[in-house]
């Protein structure tokens, strides 16, 4: 059996394992919608009826970005670290399954969840808040989603190499991601009131650029344009993630 066939089988196995935990699966899809409702309740009262751009137009792509990051970065970093501590990764290396095929299975399952979240959040935004899905900008949106998912999957594998054990993974992963969500056009909109240094700092990291690309896709007021900084920054972080993961990712439990 070819390596690609084994990778596809591994994706199926990971997907079955995911859905066999219905509580975890439910909250994986419920949390983004909860965030979306809460943010729109808190910040959606100031828009005049019939406004072209409302807080829902901001929070729909913002929660899509959050969903991709959670599925591809947070999920991979935590589950891979847990599998490493349980000795699963070490045992995988003793089987005929290629190492890359196992990781491809993990990544493939994360991407499937991410894509399903994109559909659910987009549909919820359309039904509940009349935020039209940008079908006419689909190539731009798909390119942004693919590059973003690849970048955060690579960074999830990279950060797992620095997590000492599974107990520490929630704290470390959340510490690397939560503060950036507040300054990167996800949990709050970066505006003129934002200090210049904080705006500049947010642009060092990939979340800001990914969120900005999704906002551009959903913004009905303007057509998305090619932004070399955003695309280049995401591509650069993808390379960083791949290089760091190849150097520091480990299959053996840490002592």
Protein backbone atom coordinates (compact mmCIF):
# COMPACT_ATOMS: atom_id res chain seq x y z
CA UNK A 1 0.00 0.00 0.00
CA UNK A 2 1.37 3.43 -0.95
CA UNK A 3 2.18 6.11 1.58
CA UNK A 4 -0.62 8.32 0.27
CA UNK A 5 -3.16 5.53 0.77
CA UNK A 6 -1.90 5.03 4.31
CA UNK A 7 -2.20 8.77 4.98
CA UNK A 8 -5.81 8.75 3.74
CA UNK A 9 -6.60 5.78 5.98
CA UNK A 10 -5.02 7.62 8.89
CA UNK A 11 -7.22 10.65 8.24
CA UNK A 12 -10.25 8.37 8.37
CA UNK A 13 -9.06 6.78 11.60
CA UNK A 14 -8.45 10.16 13.24
CA UNK A 15 -11.85 11.37 12.06
CA UNK A 16 -13.61 8.33 13.53
CA UNK A 17 -11.82 8.84 16.83
CA UNK A 18 -12.91 12.49 16.87
CA UNK A 19 -16.60 11.73 16.33
CA UNK A 20 -16.57 8.93 18.89
CA UNK A 21 -16.20 11.61 21.55
CA UNK A 22 -19.53 13.41 21.04
CA UNK A 23 -19.11 15.82 23.95
CA UNK A 24 -15.78 17.12 22.64
CA UNK A 25 -17.15 17.27 19.08
CA UNK A 26 -20.23 19.20 20.21
CA UNK A 27 -18.29 21.89 22.03
CA UNK A 28 -15.75 22.13 19.21
CA UNK A 29 -18.57 23.40 16.99
CA UNK A 30 -20.62 25.13 19.69
CA UNK A 31 -17.94 27.42 21.11
CA UNK A 32 -17.39 29.51 17.95
CA UNK A 33 -21.14 30.10 17.67
CA UNK A 34 -21.33 31.04 21.35
CA UNK A 35 -18.53 33.57 20.86
CA UNK A 36 -20.29 34.94 17.79
CA UNK A 37 -23.58 35.44 19.62
CA UNK A 38 -21.94 37.00 22.67
CA UNK A 39 -19.85 39.45 20.64
CA UNK A 40 -22.81 40.48 18.52
CA UNK A 41 -24.95 41.01 21.62
CA UNK A 42 -22.24 43.11 23.26
CA UNK A 43 -21.22 45.18 20.24
CA UNK A 44 -24.11 44.91 17.78
CA UNK A 45 -26.50 47.45 19.24
CA UNK A 46 -25.07 50.56 17.62
CA UNK A 47 -25.73 49.81 13.96
CA UNK A 48 -28.59 51.57 12.16
CA UNK A 49 -31.13 49.34 10.41
CA UNK A 50 -30.08 48.45 6.87
CA UNK A 51 -26.42 49.38 7.44
CA UNK A 52 -24.05 47.99 4.82
CA UNK A 53 -21.40 47.05 7.37
CA UNK A 54 -22.42 45.92 10.86
CA UNK A 55 -20.59 44.29 13.76
CA UNK A 56 -21.80 40.94 12.39
CA UNK A 57 -19.85 41.63 9.19
CA UNK A 58 -16.76 41.98 11.38
CA UNK A 59 -17.37 39.06 13.73
CA UNK A 60 -18.32 36.50 11.07
CA UNK A 61 -14.85 36.41 9.45
CA UNK A 62 -13.28 36.96 12.87
CA UNK A 63 -14.90 33.80 14.25
CA UNK A 64 -13.99 31.94 11.05
CA UNK A 65 -10.37 32.92 11.74
CA UNK A 66 -10.73 31.78 15.36
CA UNK A 67 -12.17 28.44 14.19
CA UNK A 68 -9.27 27.78 11.82
CA UNK A 69 -6.70 28.71 14.45
CA UNK A 70 -8.37 26.57 17.12
CA UNK A 71 -8.66 23.51 14.87
CA UNK A 72 -5.27 23.76 13.22
CA UNK A 73 -3.04 25.24 15.93
CA UNK A 74 -4.55 24.63 19.36
CA UNK A 75 -6.00 21.21 18.57
CA UNK A 76 -2.89 19.85 16.86
CA UNK A 77 -0.50 21.15 19.52
CA UNK A 78 -2.54 19.64 22.38
CA UNK A 79 -3.46 16.30 20.81
CA UNK A 80 0.04 15.63 19.49
CA UNK A 81 1.55 16.44 22.89
CA UNK A 82 -0.96 14.12 24.58
CA UNK A 83 -0.21 11.33 22.08
CA UNK A 84 3.51 11.80 22.70
CA UNK A 85 3.08 11.52 26.48
CA UNK A 86 0.93 8.41 26.12
CA UNK A 87 3.64 6.76 24.03
CA UNK A 88 1.46 6.64 20.91
CA UNK A 89 3.97 8.54 18.80
CA UNK A 90 6.78 6.27 19.92
CA UNK A 91 4.76 3.16 19.03
CA UNK A 92 3.82 4.59 15.64
CA UNK A 93 7.50 4.74 14.72
CA UNK A 94 7.68 0.97 15.25
CA UNK A 95 4.90 0.25 12.76
CA UNK A 96 4.98 0.17 8.93
CA UNK A 97 3.04 3.46 8.90
CA UNK A 98 5.38 6.23 7.68
CA UNK A 99 5.88 9.05 10.15
CA UNK A 100 4.75 11.64 7.64
CA UNK A 101 1.56 9.66 6.95
CA UNK A 102 0.66 9.69 10.65
CA UNK A 103 1.19 13.45 10.87
CA UNK A 104 -0.73 13.89 7.63
CA UNK A 105 -3.62 12.05 9.26
CA UNK A 106 -3.56 14.39 12.23
CA UNK A 107 -3.34 17.45 10.00
CA UNK A 108 -5.97 16.17 7.57
CA UNK A 109 -8.48 15.58 10.36
CA UNK A 110 -7.82 19.06 11.78
CA UNK A 111 -8.35 20.63 8.37
CA UNK A 112 -11.64 18.74 7.89
CA UNK A 113 -12.89 20.08 11.22
CA UNK A 114 -11.73 23.56 10.28
CA UNK A 115 -13.56 23.46 6.95
CA UNK A 116 -16.74 22.25 8.63
CA UNK A 117 -16.45 25.10 11.12
CA UNK A 118 -16.08 27.59 8.25
CA UNK A 119 -19.32 26.31 6.73
CA UNK A 120 -21.19 26.36 10.06
CA UNK A 121 -20.03 29.83 11.10
CA UNK A 122 -20.64 31.28 7.63
CA UNK A 123 -24.12 29.77 7.49
CA UNK A 124 -24.92 31.02 10.99
CA UNK A 125 -23.78 34.51 10.04
CA UNK A 126 -26.03 34.45 6.97
CA UNK A 127 -29.11 33.07 8.73
CA UNK A 128 -28.87 34.90 12.04
CA UNK A 129 -27.27 38.20 11.01
CA UNK A 130 -27.86 38.53 7.24
CA UNK A 131 -24.14 38.47 6.46
CA UNK A 132 -23.90 37.28 2.87
CA UNK A 133 -21.28 34.69 2.06
CA UNK A 134 -18.77 36.17 -0.42
CA UNK A 135 -19.29 33.70 -3.27
CA UNK A 136 -17.96 36.19 -5.82
CA UNK A 137 -14.69 36.31 -3.86
CA UNK A 138 -14.41 32.56 -3.38
CA UNK A 139 -10.95 32.14 -5.02
CA UNK A 140 -9.50 34.84 -2.75
CA UNK A 141 -11.19 33.31 0.30
CA UNK A 142 -10.09 29.76 -0.49
CA UNK A 143 -6.49 30.88 -1.00
CA UNK A 144 -6.53 32.65 2.36
CA UNK A 145 -8.08 29.64 4.12
CA UNK A 146 -5.58 27.19 2.61
CA UNK A 147 -2.56 29.32 3.45
CA UNK A 148 -3.87 30.08 6.94
CA UNK A 149 -4.68 26.45 7.72
CA UNK A 150 -1.26 25.29 6.50
CA UNK A 151 0.49 27.97 8.53
CA UNK A 152 -1.27 27.21 11.80
CA UNK A 153 -0.93 23.45 11.36
CA UNK A 154 2.83 23.90 10.95
CA UNK A 155 2.99 26.21 13.95
CA UNK A 156 0.97 23.74 16.03
CA UNK A 157 3.52 21.00 15.33
CA UNK A 158 6.33 23.45 15.99
CA UNK A 159 5.05 24.59 19.40
CA UNK A 160 4.48 20.98 20.48
CA UNK A 161 8.25 20.53 20.44
CA UNK A 162 8.56 23.07 23.27
CA UNK A 163 5.75 21.73 25.46
CA UNK A 164 7.23 19.56 28.23
CA UNK A 165 4.14 17.44 28.88
CA UNK A 166 0.42 17.15 28.20
CA UNK A 167 -0.53 18.80 31.50
CA UNK A 168 1.31 21.95 30.48
CA UNK A 169 -0.05 22.08 26.93
CA UNK A 170 -3.32 24.00 27.62
CA UNK A 171 -1.49 26.73 29.54
CA UNK A 172 1.35 27.09 27.03
CA UNK A 173 -0.83 26.95 23.91
CA UNK A 174 -3.39 29.40 25.27
CA UNK A 175 -0.66 31.75 26.48
CA UNK A 176 0.77 31.90 22.96
CA UNK A 177 -2.58 32.51 21.28
CA UNK A 178 -5.11 34.28 23.53
CA UNK A 179 -3.32 37.63 23.95
CA UNK A 180 -2.83 37.88 20.19
CA UNK A 181 -6.52 37.25 19.53
CA UNK A 182 -7.34 40.50 21.37
CA UNK A 183 -4.97 42.64 19.30
CA UNK A 184 -5.33 40.97 15.89
CA UNK A 185 -8.84 41.88 14.67
CA UNK A 186 -10.44 38.75 16.10
CA UNK A 187 -11.92 39.45 19.53
CA UNK A 188 -11.84 43.23 19.04
CA UNK A 189 -11.48 45.53 16.07
CA UNK A 190 -8.19 47.34 15.81
CA UNK A 191 -9.01 51.01 15.20
CA UNK A 192 -7.65 54.51 15.41
CA UNK A 193 -7.77 54.34 19.19
CA UNK A 194 -5.31 51.45 19.20
CA UNK A 195 -1.77 52.54 20.18
CA UNK A 196 0.57 52.53 17.21
CA UNK A 197 3.05 50.23 18.93
CA UNK A 198 0.32 47.66 19.64
CA UNK A 199 -0.90 47.78 16.05
CA UNK A 200 2.67 47.29 14.83
CA UNK A 201 3.26 44.45 17.29
CA UNK A 202 0.16 42.59 16.10
CA UNK A 203 1.46 42.67 12.52
CA UNK A 204 4.54 40.73 13.55
CA UNK A 205 2.39 37.63 14.12
CA UNK A 206 0.34 35.60 11.62
CA UNK A 207 -3.07 35.92 13.30
CA UNK A 208 -3.43 39.60 12.37
CA UNK A 209 -2.65 38.98 8.71
CA UNK A 210 -4.91 35.94 8.48
CA UNK A 211 -7.79 37.81 10.10
CA UNK A 212 -7.27 40.82 7.84
CA UNK A 213 -7.46 38.64 4.72
CA UNK A 214 -10.74 37.11 5.87
CA UNK A 215 -12.15 40.53 6.76
CA UNK A 216 -11.25 41.72 3.27
CA UNK A 217 -13.12 38.75 1.78
CA UNK A 218 -16.29 39.45 3.77
CA UNK A 219 -16.28 43.27 3.67
CA UNK A 220 -19.08 44.32 1.26
CA UNK A 221 -17.81 47.90 1.05
CA UNK A 222 -14.60 47.18 -0.84
CA UNK A 223 -13.17 44.57 -3.18
CA UNK A 224 -10.28 42.53 -1.78
CA UNK A 225 -6.90 43.46 -3.20
CA UNK A 226 -3.59 41.65 -3.16
CA UNK A 227 -1.72 42.67 -0.01
CA UNK A 228 1.89 41.48 -0.30
CA UNK A 229 2.52 42.05 3.42
CA UNK A 230 -0.35 39.83 4.57
CA UNK A 231 0.30 36.98 2.13
CA UNK A 232 4.07 37.23 2.57
CA UNK A 233 3.85 37.25 6.37
CA UNK A 234 1.66 34.13 6.41
CA UNK A 235 4.00 32.36 3.98
CA UNK A 236 7.00 33.35 6.10
CA UNK A 237 5.36 31.99 9.27
CA UNK A 238 4.53 28.78 7.39
CA UNK A 239 8.21 28.36 6.56
CA UNK A 240 9.16 29.15 10.16
CA UNK A 241 6.69 26.55 11.42
CA UNK A 242 7.98 23.86 9.07
CA UNK A 243 11.63 24.58 9.90
CA UNK A 244 11.08 24.69 13.67
CA UNK A 245 8.89 21.58 13.63
CA UNK A 246 11.47 19.64 11.63
CA UNK A 247 14.14 20.66 14.14
CA UNK A 248 12.37 20.37 17.51
CA UNK A 249 9.42 18.01 17.02
CA UNK A 250 9.99 14.85 19.02
CA UNK A 251 8.33 11.43 18.98
CA UNK A 252 9.63 10.36 22.38
CA UNK A 253 7.96 11.26 25.71
CA UNK A 254 10.00 13.78 27.64
CA UNK A 255 11.59 12.62 30.87
